C-alpha atoms as a PDB file:
ATOM      1  CA  GLY A   1      69.516-127.319 186.540  1.00  0.00           C
ATOM      2  CA  ASP A   2      65.741-127.260 187.570  1.00  0.00           C
ATOM      3  CA  LEU A   3      66.857-125.814 191.119  1.00  0.00           C
ATOM      4  CA  ASP A   4      68.427-122.886 189.074  1.00  0.00           C
ATOM      5  CA  LYS A   5      65.221-122.142 187.423  1.00  0.00           C
ATOM      6  CA  VAL A   6      62.743-122.597 190.142  1.00  0.00           C
ATOM      7  CA  VAL A   7      65.007-120.355 192.473  1.00  0.00           C
ATOM      8  CA  ASN A   8      65.455-117.745 189.848  1.00  0.00           C
ATOM      9  CA  LEU A   9      61.746-117.976 188.751  1.00  0.00           C
ATOM     10  CA  LEU A  10      60.556-117.294 192.744  1.00  0.00           C
ATOM     11  CA  LEU A  11      63.141-114.597 192.979  1.00  0.00           C
ATOM     12  CA  SER A  12      61.985-112.991 189.675  1.00  0.00           C
ATOM     13  CA  LEU A  13      58.116-113.200 190.673  1.00  0.00           C
ATOM     14  CA  SER A  14      58.746-112.003 194.187  1.00  0.00           C
ATOM     15  CA  GLY A  15      60.517-108.995 192.942  1.00  0.00           C
ATOM     16  CA  ARG A  16      57.990-107.941 190.401  1.00  0.00           C
ATOM     17  CA  LEU A  17      55.152-108.741 192.939  1.00  0.00           C
ATOM     18  CA  ALA A  18      56.583-106.425 195.511  1.00  0.00           C
ATOM     19  CA  ARG A  19      57.291-103.732 192.649  1.00  0.00           C
ATOM     20  CA  VAL A  20      53.269-103.855 191.691  1.00  0.00           C
ATOM     21  CA  GLU A  21      52.327-103.916 195.310  1.00  0.00           C
ATOM     22  CA  ASN A  22      54.644-100.904 195.945  1.00  0.00           C
ATOM     23  CA  ALA A  23      52.953 -99.070 192.914  1.00  0.00           C
ATOM     24  CA  LEU A  24      49.386 -99.908 194.184  1.00  0.00           C
ATOM     25  CA  ASN A  25      50.524 -98.570 197.480  1.00  0.00           C
ATOM     26  CA  ASN A  26      51.772 -95.281 196.148  1.00  0.00           C
ATOM     27  CA  LEU A  27      48.617 -94.530 194.166  1.00  0.00           C
ATOM     28  CA  ASP A  28      47.073 -91.118 194.573  1.00  0.00           C
ATOM     29  CA  GLU A  29      43.348 -89.973 194.377  1.00  0.00           C
ATOM     30  CA  ASN A  30      44.487 -88.682 190.797  1.00  0.00           C
ATOM     31  CA  THR A  31      44.969 -92.273 189.413  1.00  0.00           C
ATOM     32  CA  SER A  32      42.859 -93.315 186.835  1.00  0.00           C
ATOM     33  CA  GLN A  33      40.705 -96.398 187.647  1.00  0.00           C
ATOM     34  CA  GLU A  34      42.191 -97.955 184.371  1.00  0.00           C
ATOM     35  CA  GLU A  35      45.469 -97.774 186.121  1.00  0.00           C
ATOM     36  CA  ARG A  36      44.102 -98.846 189.192  1.00  0.00           C
ATOM     37  CA  ARG A  37      42.644-102.034 187.778  1.00  0.00           C
ATOM     38  CA  THR A  38      45.606-102.862 185.569  1.00  0.00           C
ATOM     39  CA  LEU A  39      47.957-102.952 188.685  1.00  0.00           C
ATOM     40  CA  VAL A  40      45.304-105.102 190.557  1.00  0.00           C
ATOM     41  CA  GLU A  41      45.088-107.383 187.742  1.00  0.00           C
ATOM     42  CA  LYS A  42      48.905-107.550 187.412  1.00  0.00           C
ATOM     43  CA  GLN A  43      49.031-108.301 191.426  1.00  0.00           C
ATOM     44  CA  LYS A  44      46.411-111.070 190.990  1.00  0.00           C
ATOM     45  CA  LEU A  45      48.347-112.752 188.016  1.00  0.00           C
ATOM     46  CA  LEU A  46      51.754-112.414 189.846  1.00  0.00           C
ATOM     47  CA  THR A  47      50.232-113.766 193.152  1.00  0.00           C
ATOM     48  CA  GLN A  48      48.747-116.975 191.128  1.00  0.00           C
ATOM     49  CA  GLN A  49      52.185-117.373 189.282  1.00  0.00           C
ATOM     50  CA  HIS A  50      54.255-116.965 192.835  1.00  0.00           C
ATOM     51  CA  GLU A  51      51.957-119.694 194.223  1.00  0.00           C
ATOM     52  CA  ASP A  52      52.427-121.956 191.168  1.00  0.00           C
ATOM     53  CA  ALA A  53      56.355-121.334 191.518  1.00  0.00           C
ATOM     54  CA  LYS A  54      56.223-122.350 195.155  1.00  0.00           C
ATOM     55  CA  GLU A  55      54.356-125.395 194.245  1.00  0.00           C
ATOM     56  CA  LEU A  56      57.459-126.012 191.723  1.00  0.00           C
ATOM     57  CA  LYS A  57      59.810-125.634 194.314  1.00  0.00           C
ATOM     58  CA  GLU A  58      57.752-128.171 196.781  1.00  0.00           C
ATOM     59  CA  ASN A  59      58.020-130.634 194.025  1.00  0.00           C
ATOM     60  CA  LEU A  60      61.627-130.123 193.558  1.00  0.00           C
ATOM     61  CA  ASP A  61      62.260-130.673 197.269  1.00  0.00           C
ATOM     62  CA  ARG A  62      60.353-133.939 197.371  1.00  0.00           C
ATOM     63  CA  ARG A  63      62.377-135.003 194.360  1.00  0.00           C
ATOM     64  CA  GLU A  64      65.499-134.206 196.032  1.00  0.00           C
ATOM     65  CA  ARG A  65      64.375-136.079 199.232  1.00  0.00           C
ATOM     66  CA  ILE A  66      63.891-139.119 196.990  1.00  0.00           C
ATOM     67  CA  VAL A  67      67.451-138.643 195.390  1.00  0.00           C
ATOM     68  CA  PHE A  68      69.121-138.072 198.815  1.00  0.00           C
ATOM     69  CA  ASP A  69      67.455-141.324 200.044  1.00  0.00           C
ATOM     70  CA  ILE A  70      68.685-143.143 196.839  1.00  0.00           C
ATOM     71  CA  LEU A  71      72.184-141.712 197.336  1.00  0.00           C
ATOM     72  CA  ALA A  72      72.283-142.897 201.058  1.00  0.00           C
ATOM     73  CA  ASN A  73      72.285-146.440 199.821  1.00  0.00           C
ATOM     74  CA  TYR A  74      75.419-146.023 197.509  1.00  0.00           C
ATOM     75  CA  LEU A  75      77.484-143.025 199.203  1.00  0.00           C
ATOM     76  CA  SER A  76      79.418-143.150 202.470  1.00  0.00           C
ATOM     77  CA  GLU A  77      78.319-140.722 205.145  1.00  0.00           C
ATOM     78  CA  GLU A  78      80.888-137.928 204.229  1.00  0.00           C
ATOM     79  CA  ASN A  79      79.914-138.029 200.675  1.00  0.00           C
ATOM     80  CA  LEU A  80      76.350-137.853 201.534  1.00  0.00           C
ATOM     81  CA  ALA A  81      76.949-134.887 203.605  1.00  0.00           C
ATOM     82  CA  ASP A  82      79.014-133.519 201.165  1.00  0.00           C
ATOM     83  CA  TYR A  83      76.085-133.701 198.610  1.00  0.00           C
ATOM     84  CA  GLU A  84      73.596-132.236 201.099  1.00  0.00           C
ATOM     85  CA  HIS A  85      75.944-129.389 201.628  1.00  0.00           C
ATOM     86  CA  PHE A  86      76.263-128.725 197.987  1.00  0.00           C
ATOM     87  CA  VAL A  87      72.528-128.833 197.155  1.00  0.00           C
ATOM     88  CA  LYS A  88      72.060-126.022 199.819  1.00  0.00           C
ATOM     89  CA  MET A  89      74.661-124.140 199.128  1.00  0.00           C
ATOM     90  CA  LYS A  90      73.724-123.879 195.515  1.00  0.00           C
ATOM     91  CA  SER A  91      70.438-122.089 196.625  1.00  0.00           C
ATOM     92  CA  ALA A  92      71.922-119.860 198.760  1.00  0.00           C
ATOM     93  CA  LEU A  93      74.391-118.967 196.243  1.00  0.00           C
ATOM     94  CA  ILE A  94      72.074-118.288 193.518  1.00  0.00           C
ATOM     95  CA  ILE A  95      70.043-115.961 196.046  1.00  0.00           C
ATOM     96  CA  GLU A  96      73.102-114.309 196.852  1.00  0.00           C
ATOM     97  CA  GLN A  97      74.073-113.992 193.054  1.00  0.00           C
ATOM     98  CA  ARG A  98      70.572-112.611 192.357  1.00  0.00           C
ATOM     99  CA  GLU A  99      70.695-109.702 195.176  1.00  0.00           C
ATOM    100  CA  LEU A 100      74.348-108.693 193.905  1.00  0.00           C
ATOM    101  CA  GLU A 101      72.824-108.449 190.294  1.00  0.00           C
ATOM    102  CA  ASP A 102      70.231-106.448 191.795  1.00  0.00           C
ATOM    103  CA  LYS A 103      72.470-104.175 193.682  1.00  0.00           C
ATOM    104  CA  ILE A 104      74.864-103.673 190.666  1.00  0.00           C
ATOM    105  CA  LYS A 105      71.842-102.764 188.423  1.00  0.00           C
ATOM    106  CA  LEU A 106      70.552-100.331 191.070  1.00  0.00           C
ATOM    107  CA  GLY A 107      73.787 -98.842 191.268  1.00  0.00           C
ATOM    108  CA  GLU A 108      74.320 -98.527 187.501  1.00  0.00           C
ATOM    109  CA  GLU A 109      71.111 -96.728 187.580  1.00  0.00           C
ATOM    110  CA  GLN A 110      71.718 -94.582 190.027  1.00  0.00           C
ATOM    111  CA  LEU A 111      75.223 -93.515 188.507  1.00  0.00           C
ATOM    112  CA  LYS A 112      73.296 -93.048 185.262  1.00  0.00           C
ATOM    113  CA  CYS A 113      70.807 -90.683 187.125  1.00  0.00           C
ATOM    114  CA  LEU A 114      73.932 -88.763 188.899  1.00  0.00           C
ATOM    115  CA  THR A 115      75.588 -88.616 185.372  1.00  0.00           C
ATOM    116  CA  ASP A 116      72.431 -87.454 183.759  1.00  0.00           C
ATOM    117  CA  SER A 117      71.587 -84.647 186.385  1.00  0.00           C
ATOM    118  CA  LEU A 118      75.196 -83.129 186.121  1.00  0.00           C
END
């Protein structure tokens, strides 16, 4: 459960940070100082939150190694390999699920825009 939460947190923060950085990069000279300052503050906050989330992931990885070492004493090599594969695939599948959800959301937004423009 912790793995799901931390991976989703990292993905969410990465996406939000990327959007803020894109917004900062696309500001023109007509943008108010207040808006620019707000975006910079948001970028700093998201950067710190992202660093905190990376620390959580590192702690989770350490816990995973400890659990793996304990299980190595009780499981056969085959079962241990299955466990290791499961944990690695779970992270990969969470990331893939998130990417697919983002693509679906983008597609729905584009469809709505197309429908509205007709």
